[in-house]
PDB file of N, CA and C in Angstrom:
ATOM      1  N   MET A   1      18.913   3.159   3.638  1.00  0.00           N
ATOM      2  CA  MET A   1      18.054   2.246   4.378  1.00  0.00           C
ATOM      3  C   MET A   1      18.115   0.871   3.718  1.00  0.00           C
ATOM      4  N   THR A   2      19.208   0.164   3.921  1.00  0.00           N
ATOM      5  CA  THR A   2      19.350  -1.196   3.419  1.00  0.00           C
ATOM      6  C   THR A   2      19.696  -2.090   4.601  1.00  0.00           C
ATOM      7  N   ASP A   3      19.420  -3.375   4.454  1.00  0.00           N
ATOM      8  CA  ASP A   3      19.626  -4.325   5.541  1.00  0.00           C
ATOM      9  C   ASP A   3      18.943  -3.855   6.822  1.00  0.00           C
ATOM     10  N   VAL A   4      17.710  -3.429   6.681  1.00  0.00           N
ATOM     11  CA  VAL A   4      16.942  -2.914   7.803  1.00  0.00           C
ATOM     12  C   VAL A   4      15.909  -3.953   8.229  1.00  0.00           C
ATOM     13  N   PRO A   5      15.822  -4.250   9.520  1.00  0.00           N
ATOM     14  CA  PRO A   5      14.751  -5.139   9.969  1.00  0.00           C
ATOM     15  C   PRO A   5      13.400  -4.549   9.553  1.00  0.00           C
ATOM     16  N   GLY A   6      12.574  -5.382   8.952  1.00  0.00           N
ATOM     17  CA  GLY A   6      11.275  -4.912   8.486  1.00  0.00           C
ATOM     18  C   GLY A   6      11.221  -4.697   6.989  1.00  0.00           C
ATOM     19  N   ILE A   7      12.354  -4.888   6.297  1.00  0.00           N
ATOM     20  CA  ILE A   7      12.369  -4.809   4.841  1.00  0.00           C
ATOM     21  C   ILE A   7      12.953  -6.103   4.299  1.00  0.00           C
ATOM     22  N   ASP A   8      12.180  -6.790   3.461  1.00  0.00           N
ATOM     23  CA  ASP A   8      12.661  -7.989   2.783  1.00  0.00           C
ATOM     24  C   ASP A   8      12.496  -7.759   1.285  1.00  0.00           C
ATOM     25  N   PRO A   9      13.558  -7.343   0.605  1.00  0.00           N
ATOM     26  CA  PRO A   9      13.469  -7.027  -0.822  1.00  0.00           C
ATOM     27  C   PRO A   9      13.095  -8.201  -1.720  1.00  0.00           C
ATOM     28  N   SER A  10      13.181  -9.424  -1.210  1.00  0.00           N
ATOM     29  CA  SER A  10      12.910 -10.598  -2.045  1.00  0.00           C
ATOM     30  C   SER A  10      11.433 -10.975  -2.116  1.00  0.00           C
ATOM     31  N   ILE A  11      10.610 -10.426  -1.236  1.00  0.00           N
ATOM     32  CA  ILE A  11       9.196 -10.811  -1.158  1.00  0.00           C
ATOM     33  C   ILE A  11       8.377 -10.027  -2.185  1.00  0.00           C
ATOM     34  N   PRO A  12       7.655 -10.710  -3.087  1.00  0.00           N
ATOM     35  CA  PRO A  12       6.820 -10.002  -4.057  1.00  0.00           C
ATOM     36  C   PRO A  12       5.547  -9.458  -3.397  1.00  0.00           C
ATOM     37  N   PRO A  13       4.892  -8.505  -4.041  1.00  0.00           N
ATOM     38  CA  PRO A  13       3.640  -7.980  -3.499  1.00  0.00           C
ATOM     39  C   PRO A  13       2.549  -9.050  -3.520  1.00  0.00           C
ATOM     40  N   SER A  14       1.564  -8.866  -2.652  1.00  0.00           N
ATOM     41  CA  SER A  14       0.477  -9.838  -2.532  1.00  0.00           C
ATOM     42  C   SER A  14      -0.489  -9.798  -3.706  1.00  0.00           C
ATOM     43  N   GLY A  15      -0.416  -8.786  -4.530  1.00  0.00           N
ATOM     44  CA  GLY A  15      -1.307  -8.649  -5.684  1.00  0.00           C
ATOM     45  C   GLY A  15      -1.188  -7.252  -6.250  1.00  0.00           C
ATOM     46  N   THR A  16      -2.207  -6.844  -6.998  1.00  0.00           N
ATOM     47  CA  THR A  16      -2.173  -5.526  -7.633  1.00  0.00           C
ATOM     48  C   THR A  16      -3.121  -4.530  -6.984  1.00  0.00           C
ATOM     49  N   GLY A  17      -3.803  -4.955  -5.935  1.00  0.00           N
ATOM     50  CA  GLY A  17      -4.734  -4.070  -5.237  1.00  0.00           C
ATOM     51  C   GLY A  17      -4.817  -4.423  -3.775  1.00  0.00           C
ATOM     52  N   CYS A  18      -5.526  -3.600  -3.014  1.00  0.00           N
ATOM     53  CA  CYS A  18      -5.697  -3.816  -1.577  1.00  0.00           C
ATOM     54  C   CYS A  18      -6.401  -5.155  -1.329  1.00  0.00           C
ATOM     55  N   VAL A  19      -5.740  -6.010  -0.593  1.00  0.00           N
ATOM     56  CA  VAL A  19      -6.249  -7.353  -0.322  1.00  0.00           C
ATOM     57  C   VAL A  19      -7.640  -7.297   0.295  1.00  0.00           C
ATOM     58  N   GLU A  20      -7.798  -6.493   1.329  1.00  0.00           N
ATOM     59  CA  GLU A  20      -9.073  -6.438   2.052  1.00  0.00           C
ATOM     60  C   GLU A  20     -10.164  -5.768   1.226  1.00  0.00           C
ATOM     61  N   CYS A  21      -9.840  -4.683   0.526  1.00  0.00           N
ATOM     62  CA  CYS A  21     -10.851  -4.011  -0.308  1.00  0.00           C
ATOM     63  C   CYS A  21     -11.354  -4.940  -1.410  1.00  0.00           C
ATOM     64  N   LEU A  22     -10.439  -5.667  -2.038  1.00  0.00           N
ATOM     65  CA  LEU A  22     -10.854  -6.584  -3.096  1.00  0.00           C
ATOM     66  C   LEU A  22     -11.753  -7.683  -2.541  1.00  0.00           C
ATOM     67  N   ALA A  23     -11.435  -8.186  -1.359  1.00  0.00           N
ATOM     68  CA  ALA A  23     -12.248  -9.248  -0.753  1.00  0.00           C
ATOM     69  C   ALA A  23     -13.654  -8.764  -0.396  1.00  0.00           C
ATOM     70  N   ARG A  24     -13.786  -7.466  -0.116  1.00  0.00           N
ATOM     71  CA  ARG A  24     -15.078  -6.892   0.309  1.00  0.00           C
ATOM     72  C   ARG A  24     -15.744  -6.067  -0.790  1.00  0.00           C
ATOM     73  N   HIS A  25     -15.191  -6.109  -1.988  1.00  0.00           N
ATOM     74  CA  HIS A  25     -15.683  -5.305  -3.119  1.00  0.00           C
ATOM     75  C   HIS A  25     -15.656  -3.820  -2.787  1.00  0.00           C
ATOM     76  N   GLY A  26     -14.639  -3.418  -2.025  1.00  0.00           N
ATOM     77  CA  GLY A  26     -14.459  -2.024  -1.657  1.00  0.00           C
ATOM     78  C   GLY A  26     -13.590  -1.305  -2.670  1.00  0.00           C
ATOM     79  N   TRP A  27     -13.099  -0.140  -2.271  1.00  0.00           N
ATOM     80  CA  TRP A  27     -12.282   0.682  -3.165  1.00  0.00           C
ATOM     81  C   TRP A  27     -11.249   1.451  -2.363  1.00  0.00           C
ATOM     82  N   TRP A  28     -10.260   1.988  -3.063  1.00  0.00           N
ATOM     83  CA  TRP A  28      -9.157   2.699  -2.416  1.00  0.00           C
ATOM     84  C   TRP A  28      -8.781   3.931  -3.217  1.00  0.00           C
ATOM     85  N   LEU A  29      -8.057   4.824  -2.552  1.00  0.00           N
ATOM     86  CA  LEU A  29      -7.496   5.988  -3.227  1.00  0.00           C
ATOM     87  C   LEU A  29      -6.079   5.657  -3.720  1.00  0.00           C
ATOM     88  N   HIS A  30      -5.185   5.299  -2.808  1.00  0.00           N
ATOM     89  CA  HIS A  30      -3.812   4.932  -3.159  1.00  0.00           C
ATOM     90  C   HIS A  30      -3.442   3.648  -2.431  1.00  0.00           C
ATOM     91  N   LEU A  31      -2.397   2.989  -2.930  1.00  0.00           N
ATOM     92  CA  LEU A  31      -1.991   1.698  -2.390  1.00  0.00           C
ATOM     93  C   LEU A  31      -0.641   1.778  -1.694  1.00  0.00           C
ATOM     94  N   ARG A  32      -0.495   0.955  -0.654  1.00  0.00           N
ATOM     95  CA  ARG A  32       0.735   0.859   0.122  1.00  0.00           C
ATOM     96  C   ARG A  32       1.141  -0.608   0.205  1.00  0.00           C
ATOM     97  N   ARG A  33       2.456  -0.843   0.232  1.00  0.00           N
ATOM     98  CA  ARG A  33       2.997  -2.201   0.272  1.00  0.00           C
ATOM     99  C   ARG A  33       3.802  -2.384   1.551  1.00  0.00           C
ATOM    100  N   CYS A  34       3.529  -3.449   2.275  1.00  0.00           N
ATOM    101  CA  CYS A  34       4.336  -3.787   3.441  1.00  0.00           C
ATOM    102  C   CYS A  34       5.700  -4.238   2.941  1.00  0.00           C
ATOM    103  N   ALA A  35       6.740  -3.588   3.437  1.00  0.00           N
ATOM    104  CA  ALA A  35       8.101  -3.901   2.987  1.00  0.00           C
ATOM    105  C   ALA A  35       8.621  -5.201   3.577  1.00  0.00           C
ATOM    106  N   GLN A  36       7.910  -5.769   4.538  1.00  0.00           N
ATOM    107  CA  GLN A  36       8.349  -7.020   5.164  1.00  0.00           C
ATOM    108  C   GLN A  36       7.706  -8.235   4.516  1.00  0.00           C
ATOM    109  N   CYS A  37       6.388  -8.187   4.289  1.00  0.00           N
ATOM    110  CA  CYS A  37       5.696  -9.384   3.789  1.00  0.00           C
ATOM    111  C   CYS A  37       5.034  -9.193   2.434  1.00  0.00           C
ATOM    112  N   GLY A  38       5.023  -7.976   1.885  1.00  0.00           N
ATOM    113  CA  GLY A  38       4.439  -7.738   0.577  1.00  0.00           C
ATOM    114  C   GLY A  38       2.953  -7.454   0.559  1.00  0.00           C
ATOM    115  N   HIS A  39       2.299  -7.453   1.719  1.00  0.00           N
ATOM    116  CA  HIS A  39       0.858  -7.178   1.774  1.00  0.00           C
ATOM    117  C   HIS A  39       0.546  -5.839   1.119  1.00  0.00           C
ATOM    118  N   ILE A  40      -0.437  -5.833   0.236  1.00  0.00           N
ATOM    119  CA  ILE A  40      -0.898  -4.583  -0.373  1.00  0.00           C
ATOM    120  C   ILE A  40      -2.165  -4.151   0.354  1.00  0.00           C
ATOM    121  N   GLY A  41      -2.107  -2.938   0.903  1.00  0.00           N
ATOM    122  CA  GLY A  41      -3.243  -2.343   1.589  1.00  0.00           C
ATOM    123  C   GLY A  41      -3.476  -0.938   1.060  1.00  0.00           C
ATOM    124  N   CYS A  42      -4.592  -0.362   1.436  1.00  0.00           N
ATOM    125  CA  CYS A  42      -4.911   0.989   0.977  1.00  0.00           C
ATOM    126  C   CYS A  42      -4.394   2.029   1.964  1.00  0.00           C
ATOM    127  N   CYS A  43      -4.235   3.256   1.463  1.00  0.00           N
ATOM    128  CA  CYS A  43      -3.661   4.349   2.252  1.00  0.00           C
ATOM    129  C   CYS A  43      -4.644   4.865   3.307  1.00  0.00           C
ATOM    130  N   ASP A  44      -4.153   5.710   4.181  1.00  0.00           N
ATOM    131  CA  ASP A  44      -4.987   6.255   5.256  1.00  0.00           C
ATOM    132  C   ASP A  44      -6.033   7.246   4.770  1.00  0.00           C
ATOM    133  N   ASN A  45      -5.948   7.703   3.530  1.00  0.00           N
ATOM    134  CA  ASN A  45      -7.007   8.543   2.969  1.00  0.00           C
ATOM    135  C   ASN A  45      -8.109   7.717   2.332  1.00  0.00           C
ATOM    136  N   SER A  46      -7.908   6.424   2.221  1.00  0.00           N
ATOM    137  CA  SER A  46      -8.915   5.511   1.682  1.00  0.00           C
ATOM    138  C   SER A  46      -9.892   5.145   2.791  1.00  0.00           C
ATOM    139  N   PRO A  47     -11.112   4.784   2.429  1.00  0.00           N
ATOM    140  CA  PRO A  47     -12.094   4.436   3.470  1.00  0.00           C
ATOM    141  C   PRO A  47     -11.648   3.315   4.403  1.00  0.00           C
ATOM    142  N   GLY A  48     -10.961   2.291   3.880  1.00  0.00           N
ATOM    143  CA  GLY A  48     -10.593   1.144   4.708  1.00  0.00           C
ATOM    144  C   GLY A  48      -9.340   1.308   5.539  1.00  0.00           C
ATOM    145  N   ARG A  49      -8.410   2.136   5.120  1.00  0.00           N
ATOM    146  CA  ARG A  49      -7.129   2.336   5.817  1.00  0.00           C
ATOM    147  C   ARG A  49      -6.444   0.998   6.142  1.00  0.00           C
ATOM    148  N   HIS A  50      -6.454   0.094   5.179  1.00  0.00           N
ATOM    149  CA  HIS A  50      -5.967  -1.260   5.435  1.00  0.00           C
ATOM    150  C   HIS A  50      -4.451  -1.370   5.538  1.00  0.00           C
ATOM    151  N   GLY A  51      -3.707  -0.428   4.967  1.00  0.00           N
ATOM    152  CA  GLY A  51      -2.251  -0.453   5.131  1.00  0.00           C
ATOM    153  C   GLY A  51      -1.856  -0.290   6.581  1.00  0.00           C
ATOM    154  N   THR A  52      -2.416   0.716   7.238  1.00  0.00           N
ATOM    155  CA  THR A  52      -2.138   0.932   8.664  1.00  0.00           C
ATOM    156  C   THR A  52      -2.730  -0.185   9.517  1.00  0.00           C
ATOM    157  N   ALA A  53      -3.900  -0.688   9.141  1.00  0.00           N
ATOM    158  CA  ALA A  53      -4.494  -1.804   9.883  1.00  0.00           C
ATOM    159  C   ALA A  53      -3.584  -3.026   9.833  1.00  0.00           C
ATOM    160  N   HIS A  54      -2.942  -3.245   8.699  1.00  0.00           N
ATOM    161  CA  HIS A  54      -1.990  -4.360   8.589  1.00  0.00           C
ATOM    162  C   HIS A  54      -0.829  -4.154   9.556  1.00  0.00           C
ATOM    163  N   HIS A  55      -0.292  -2.954   9.595  1.00  0.00           N
ATOM    164  CA  HIS A  55       0.783  -2.660  10.555  1.00  0.00           C
ATOM    165  C   HIS A  55       0.290  -2.903  11.985  1.00  0.00           C
ATOM    166  N   ASP A  56      -0.882  -2.394  12.317  1.00  0.00           N
ATOM    167  CA  ASP A  56      -1.409  -2.536  13.675  1.00  0.00           C
ATOM    168  C   ASP A  56      -1.580  -4.001  14.071  1.00  0.00           C
ATOM    169  N   SER A  57      -1.986  -4.847  13.127  1.00  0.00           N
ATOM    170  CA  SER A  57      -2.238  -6.250  13.469  1.00  0.00           C
ATOM    171  C   SER A  57      -0.983  -7.120  13.427  1.00  0.00           C
ATOM    172  N   THR A  58       0.017  -6.718  12.643  1.00  0.00           N
ATOM    173  CA  THR A  58       1.210  -7.568  12.495  1.00  0.00           C
ATOM    174  C   THR A  58       2.449  -6.998  13.179  1.00  0.00           C
ATOM    175  N   GLY A  59       2.484  -5.680  13.354  1.00  0.00           N
ATOM    176  CA  GLY A  59       3.690  -5.035  13.864  1.00  0.00           C
ATOM    177  C   GLY A  59       4.749  -4.804  12.806  1.00  0.00           C
ATOM    178  N   HIS A  60       4.463  -5.161  11.558  1.00  0.00           N
ATOM    179  CA  HIS A  60       5.427  -4.910  10.493  1.00  0.00           C
ATOM    180  C   HIS A  60       5.622  -3.401  10.390  1.00  0.00           C
ATOM    181  N   PRO A  61       6.865  -2.933  10.525  1.00  0.00           N
ATOM    182  CA  PRO A  61       7.101  -1.514  10.768  1.00  0.00           C
ATOM    183  C   PRO A  61       7.168  -0.594   9.556  1.00  0.00           C
ATOM    184  N   ILE A  62       7.389  -1.129   8.348  1.00  0.00           N
ATOM    185  CA  ILE A  62       7.709  -0.247   7.228  1.00  0.00           C
ATOM    186  C   ILE A  62       6.803  -0.528   6.036  1.00  0.00           C
ATOM    187  N   ILE A  63       6.275   0.544   5.458  1.00  0.00           N
ATOM    188  CA  ILE A  63       5.516   0.452   4.221  1.00  0.00           C
ATOM    189  C   ILE A  63       6.221   1.272   3.151  1.00  0.00           C
ATOM    190  N   THR A  64       5.834   1.020   1.928  1.00  0.00           N
ATOM    191  CA  THR A  64       6.295   1.810   0.799  1.00  0.00           C
ATOM    192  C   THR A  64       5.109   2.082  -0.102  1.00  0.00           C
ATOM    193  N   SER A  65       5.216   3.105  -0.906  1.00  0.00           N
ATOM    194  CA  SER A  65       4.166   3.388  -1.868  1.00  0.00           C
ATOM    195  C   SER A  65       4.093   2.265  -2.883  1.00  0.00           C
ATOM    196  N   PHE A  66       2.889   1.956  -3.337  1.00  0.00           N
ATOM    197  CA  PHE A  66       2.686   1.002  -4.422  1.00  0.00           C
ATOM    198  C   PHE A  66       2.069   1.733  -5.610  1.00  0.00           C
ATOM    199  N   GLU A  67       2.432   3.021  -5.725  1.00  0.00           N
ATOM    200  CA  GLU A  67       1.961   3.873  -6.810  1.00  0.00           C
ATOM    201  C   GLU A  67       3.086   4.086  -7.821  1.00  0.00           C
ATOM    202  N   PRO A  68       2.767   4.111  -9.120  1.00  0.00           N
ATOM    203  CA  PRO A  68       3.797   4.320 -10.138  1.00  0.00           C
ATOM    204  C   PRO A  68       4.567   5.621  -9.909  1.00  0.00           C
ATOM    205  N   GLY A  69       5.876   5.548 -10.042  1.00  0.00           N
ATOM    206  CA  GLY A  69       6.711   6.736  -9.936  1.00  0.00           C
ATOM    207  C   GLY A  69       7.035   7.185  -8.528  1.00  0.00           C
ATOM    208  N   GLU A  70       6.513   6.518  -7.509  1.00  0.00           N
ATOM    209  CA  GLU A  70       6.797   6.891  -6.126  1.00  0.00           C
ATOM    210  C   GLU A  70       7.758   5.872  -5.522  1.00  0.00           C
ATOM    211  N   ASN A  71       8.801   6.371  -4.859  1.00  0.00           N
ATOM    212  CA  ASN A  71       9.799   5.488  -4.257  1.00  0.00           C
ATOM    213  C   ASN A  71      10.156   6.008  -2.871  1.00  0.00           C
ATOM    214  N   TRP A  72       9.238   5.878  -1.934  1.00  0.00           N
ATOM    215  CA  TRP A  72       9.509   6.274  -0.554  1.00  0.00           C
ATOM    216  C   TRP A  72       9.081   5.148   0.373  1.00  0.00           C
ATOM    217  N   PHE A  73       9.689   5.138   1.526  1.00  0.00           N
ATOM    218  CA  PHE A  73       9.374   4.189   2.583  1.00  0.00           C
ATOM    219  C   PHE A  73       8.980   4.995   3.813  1.00  0.00           C
ATOM    220  N   TYR A  74       8.044   4.455   4.595  1.00  0.00           N
ATOM    221  CA  TYR A  74       7.603   5.113   5.825  1.00  0.00           C
ATOM    222  C   TYR A  74       7.740   4.117   6.960  1.00  0.00           C
ATOM    223  N   ASN A  75       8.358   4.568   8.056  1.00  0.00           N
ATOM    224  CA  ASN A  75       8.555   3.724   9.226  1.00  0.00           C
ATOM    225  C   ASN A  75       7.542   4.136  10.284  1.00  0.00           C
ATOM    226  N   TYR A  76       6.603   3.236  10.593  1.00  0.00           N
ATOM    227  CA  TYR A  76       5.582   3.526  11.599  1.00  0.00           C
ATOM    228  C   TYR A  76       6.202   3.770  12.975  1.00  0.00           C
ATOM    229  N   ARG A  77       7.320   3.129  13.259  1.00  0.00           N
ATOM    230  CA  ARG A  77       7.910   3.228  14.600  1.00  0.00           C
ATOM    231  C   ARG A  77       8.447   4.620  14.903  1.00  0.00           C
ATOM    232  N   ASP A  78       9.069   5.268  13.909  1.00  0.00           N
ATOM    233  CA  ASP A  78       9.609   6.606  14.187  1.00  0.00           C
ATOM    234  C   ASP A  78       8.885   7.718  13.432  1.00  0.00           C
ATOM    235  N   GLY A  79       7.891   7.351  12.603  1.00  0.00           N
ATOM    236  CA  GLY A  79       7.102   8.351  11.895  1.00  0.00           C
ATOM    237  C   GLY A  79       7.877   9.100  10.824  1.00  0.00           C
ATOM    238  N   GLN A  80       8.945   8.507  10.312  1.00  0.00           N
ATOM    239  CA  GLN A  80       9.800   9.174   9.337  1.00  0.00           C
ATOM    240  C   GLN A  80       9.705   8.509   7.963  1.00  0.00           C
ATOM    241  N   PHE A  81       9.948   9.318   6.937  1.00  0.00           N
ATOM    242  CA  PHE A  81      10.040   8.827   5.565  1.00  0.00           C
ATOM    243  C   PHE A  81      11.502   8.624   5.208  1.00  0.00           C
ATOM    244  N   TYR A  82      11.756   7.599   4.371  1.00  0.00           N
ATOM    245  CA  TYR A  82      13.111   7.255   3.962  1.00  0.00           C
ATOM    246  C   TYR A  82      13.118   6.840   2.503  1.00  0.00           C
ATOM    247  N   GLU A  83      14.310   6.828   1.919  1.00  0.00           N
ATOM    248  CA  GLU A  83      14.522   6.138   0.656  1.00  0.00           C
ATOM    249  C   GLU A  83      14.862   4.704   1.016  1.00  0.00           C
ATOM    250  N   GLY A  84      14.596   3.789   0.109  1.00  0.00           N
ATOM    251  CA  GLY A  84      14.869   2.400   0.421  1.00  0.00           C
ATOM    252  C   GLY A  84      15.302   1.619  -0.798  1.00  0.00           C
ATOM    253  N   PRO A  85      15.507   0.327  -0.621  1.00  0.00           N
ATOM    254  CA  PRO A  85      15.976  -0.512  -1.716  1.00  0.00           C
ATOM    255  C   PRO A  85      14.862  -0.819  -2.714  1.00  0.00           C
ATOM    256  N   HIS A  86      15.255  -1.290  -3.882  1.00  0.00           N
ATOM    257  CA  HIS A  86      14.271  -1.807  -4.830  1.00  0.00           C
ATOM    258  C   HIS A  86      13.729  -3.110  -4.259  1.00  0.00           C
ATOM    259  N   LEU A  87      12.443  -3.303  -4.403  1.00  0.00           N
ATOM    260  CA  LEU A  87      11.804  -4.524  -3.929  1.00  0.00           C
ATOM    261  C   LEU A  87      11.473  -5.428  -5.106  1.00  0.00           C
ATOM    262  N   ALA A  88      11.147  -6.676  -4.803  1.00  0.00           N
ATOM    263  CA  ALA A  88      10.774  -7.629  -5.851  1.00  0.00           C
ATOM    264  C   ALA A  88       9.630  -7.048  -6.683  1.00  0.00           C
ATOM    265  N   PRO A  89       9.676  -7.250  -7.984  1.00  0.00           N
ATOM    266  CA  PRO A  89       8.639  -6.688  -8.849  1.00  0.00           C
ATOM    267  C   PRO A  89       7.307  -7.401  -8.679  1.00  0.00           C
ATOM    268  N   PRO A  90       6.261  -6.694  -9.076  1.00  0.00           N
ATOM    269  CA  PRO A  90       6.244  -5.317  -9.547  1.00  0.00           C
ATOM    270  C   PRO A  90       6.358  -4.342  -8.382  1.00  0.00           C
ATOM    271  N   GLU A  91       6.924  -3.164  -8.657  1.00  0.00           N
ATOM    272  CA  GLU A  91       7.123  -2.163  -7.614  1.00  0.00           C
ATOM    273  C   GLU A  91       5.947  -1.205  -7.478  1.00  0.00           C
ATOM    274  N   SER A  92       4.930  -1.352  -8.345  1.00  0.00           N
ATOM    275  CA  SER A  92       3.740  -0.503  -8.237  1.00  0.00           C
ATOM    276  C   SER A  92       2.544  -1.224  -8.839  1.00  0.00           C
ATOM    277  N   ARG A  93       1.396  -0.646  -8.582  1.00  0.00           N
ATOM    278  CA  ARG A  93       0.175  -1.153  -9.213  1.00  0.00           C
ATOM    279  C   ARG A  93       0.325  -1.003 -10.721  1.00  0.00           C
ATOM    280  N   PRO A  94      -0.490  -1.710 -11.509  1.00  0.00           N
ATOM    281  CA  PRO A  94      -0.426  -1.526 -12.955  1.00  0.00           C
ATOM    282  C   PRO A  94      -0.735  -0.072 -13.324  1.00  0.00           C
ATOM    283  N   ALA A  95       0.011   0.466 -14.255  1.00  0.00           N
ATOM    284  CA  ALA A  95      -0.172   1.866 -14.657  1.00  0.00           C
ATOM    285  C   ALA A  95      -1.553   2.130 -15.228  1.00  0.00           C
ATOM    286  N   ASP A  96      -2.211   1.111 -15.778  1.00  0.00           N
ATOM    287  CA  ASP A  96      -3.536   1.313 -16.347  1.00  0.00           C
ATOM    288  C   ASP A  96      -4.664   1.132 -15.325  1.00  0.00           C
ATOM    289  N   GLN A  97      -4.323   0.829 -14.084  1.00  0.00           N
ATOM    290  CA  GLN A  97      -5.328   0.719 -13.024  1.00  0.00           C
ATOM    291  C   GLN A  97      -5.739   2.132 -12.601  1.00  0.00           C
ATOM    292  N   PRO A  98      -7.030   2.437 -12.567  1.00  0.00           N
ATOM    293  CA  PRO A  98      -7.441   3.808 -12.268  1.00  0.00           C
ATOM    294  C   PRO A  98      -7.214   4.199 -10.810  1.00  0.00           C
ATOM    295  N   VAL A  99      -7.157   5.499 -10.586  1.00  0.00           N
ATOM    296  CA  VAL A  99      -7.079   6.075  -9.251  1.00  0.00           C
ATOM    297  C   VAL A  99      -8.266   7.011  -9.104  1.00  0.00           C
ATOM    298  N   PRO A 100      -9.137   6.794  -8.137  1.00  0.00           N
ATOM    299  CA  PRO A 100      -9.139   5.637  -7.237  1.00  0.00           C
ATOM    300  C   PRO A 100      -9.501   4.357  -7.978  1.00  0.00           C
ATOM    301  N   GLY A 101      -9.355   3.252  -7.294  1.00  0.00           N
ATOM    302  CA  GLY A 101      -9.602   1.956  -7.918  1.00  0.00           C
ATOM    303  C   GLY A 101     -10.231   0.998  -6.926  1.00  0.00           C
ATOM    304  N   PRO A 102     -10.546  -0.176  -7.331  1.00  0.00           N
ATOM    305  CA  PRO A 102     -10.394  -0.682  -8.684  1.00  0.00           C
ATOM    306  C   PRO A 102     -11.569  -0.267  -9.559  1.00  0.00           C
ATOM    307  N   ALA A 103     -11.382  -0.362 -10.851  1.00  0.00           N
ATOM    308  CA  ALA A 103     -12.437  -0.008 -11.800  1.00  0.00           C
ATOM    309  C   ALA A 103     -13.702  -0.794 -11.465  1.00  0.00           C
ATOM    310  N   GLY A 104     -14.808  -0.108 -11.474  1.00  0.00           N
ATOM    311  CA  GLY A 104     -16.093  -0.752 -11.223  1.00  0.00           C
ATOM    312  C   GLY A 104     -16.547  -0.739  -9.776  1.00  0.00           C
ATOM    313  N   ASN A 105     -15.636  -0.480  -8.833  1.00  0.00           N
ATOM    314  CA  ASN A 105     -16.003  -0.479  -7.407  1.00  0.00           C
ATOM    315  C   ASN A 105     -16.084   0.918  -6.804  1.00  0.00           C
ATOM    316  N   VAL A 106     -15.630   1.926  -7.515  1.00  0.00           N
ATOM    317  CA  VAL A 106     -15.537   3.273  -6.961  1.00  0.00           C
ATOM    318  C   VAL A 106     -16.888   3.988  -7.121  1.00  0.00           C
ATOM    319  N   PRO A 107     -17.469   4.460  -6.016  1.00  0.00           N
ATOM    320  CA  PRO A 107     -18.750   5.165  -6.122  1.00  0.00           C
ATOM    321  C   PRO A 107     -18.598   6.512  -6.833  1.00  0.00           C
ATOM    322  N   ALA A 108     -19.661   6.949  -7.468  1.00  0.00           N
ATOM    323  CA  ALA A 108     -19.636   8.212  -8.213  1.00  0.00           C
ATOM    324  C   ALA A 108     -19.285   9.395  -7.313  1.00  0.00           C
ATOM    325  N   ASP A 109     -19.685   9.345  -6.052  1.00  0.00           N
ATOM    326  CA  ASP A 109     -19.425  10.452  -5.114  1.00  0.00           C
ATOM    327  C   ASP A 109     -18.208  10.186  -4.231  1.00  0.00           C
ATOM    328  N   TRP A 110     -17.200   9.495  -4.764  1.00  0.00           N
ATOM    329  CA  TRP A 110     -16.045   9.072  -3.982  1.00  0.00           C
ATOM    330  C   TRP A 110     -15.334  10.221  -3.288  1.00  0.00           C
ATOM    331  N   GLN A 111     -15.251  11.402  -3.903  1.00  0.00           N
ATOM    332  CA  GLN A 111     -14.541  12.525  -3.296  1.00  0.00           C
ATOM    333  C   GLN A 111     -15.208  12.959  -1.993  1.00  0.00           C
ATOM    334  N   ARG A 112     -16.517  12.901  -1.954  1.00  0.00           N
ATOM    335  CA  ARG A 112     -17.260  13.277  -0.748  1.00  0.00           C
ATOM    336  C   ARG A 112     -17.017  12.270   0.392  1.00  0.00           C
ATOM    337  N   LEU A 113     -16.711  11.047   0.035  1.00  0.00           N
ATOM    338  CA  LEU A 113     -16.570   9.978   1.015  1.00  0.00           C
ATOM    339  C   LEU A 113     -15.193   9.888   1.660  1.00  0.00           C
ATOM    340  N   LEU A 114     -14.217  10.615   1.121  1.00  0.00           N
ATOM    341  CA  LEU A 114     -12.863  10.560   1.678  1.00  0.00           C
ATOM    342  C   LEU A 114     -12.744  11.389   2.942  1.00  0.00           C
ATOM    343  N   SER A 115     -11.876  10.932   3.832  1.00  0.00           N
ATOM    344  CA  SER A 115     -11.690  11.676   5.088  1.00  0.00           C
ATOM    345  C   SER A 115     -10.635  12.733   4.949  1.00  0.00           C
TER     346      SER A 115
END
């Protein structure tokens, strides 16, 4: 999966956490990176589901994990997982960032709150 529309390996991530969760003092379980523009959003198991919301609002078709040690891409258009190219660094959230995160925003009963 190289030279694919919807993947721009030169674009760095938008930050180290979900853009929308950080703006709202929210929290996430896992992070996803838009392979086209670098937007960092939270996964569909997170309360905000901002990764998919970003796809829905922009049409950007491909995300990748922003978790350490994970190297997969997901195409919303065909619902398939793929291997993909290395993207501009960093390729994951900081290893010392807790899961769920960010530190200080996660409620004590977070497991009960997940869908």
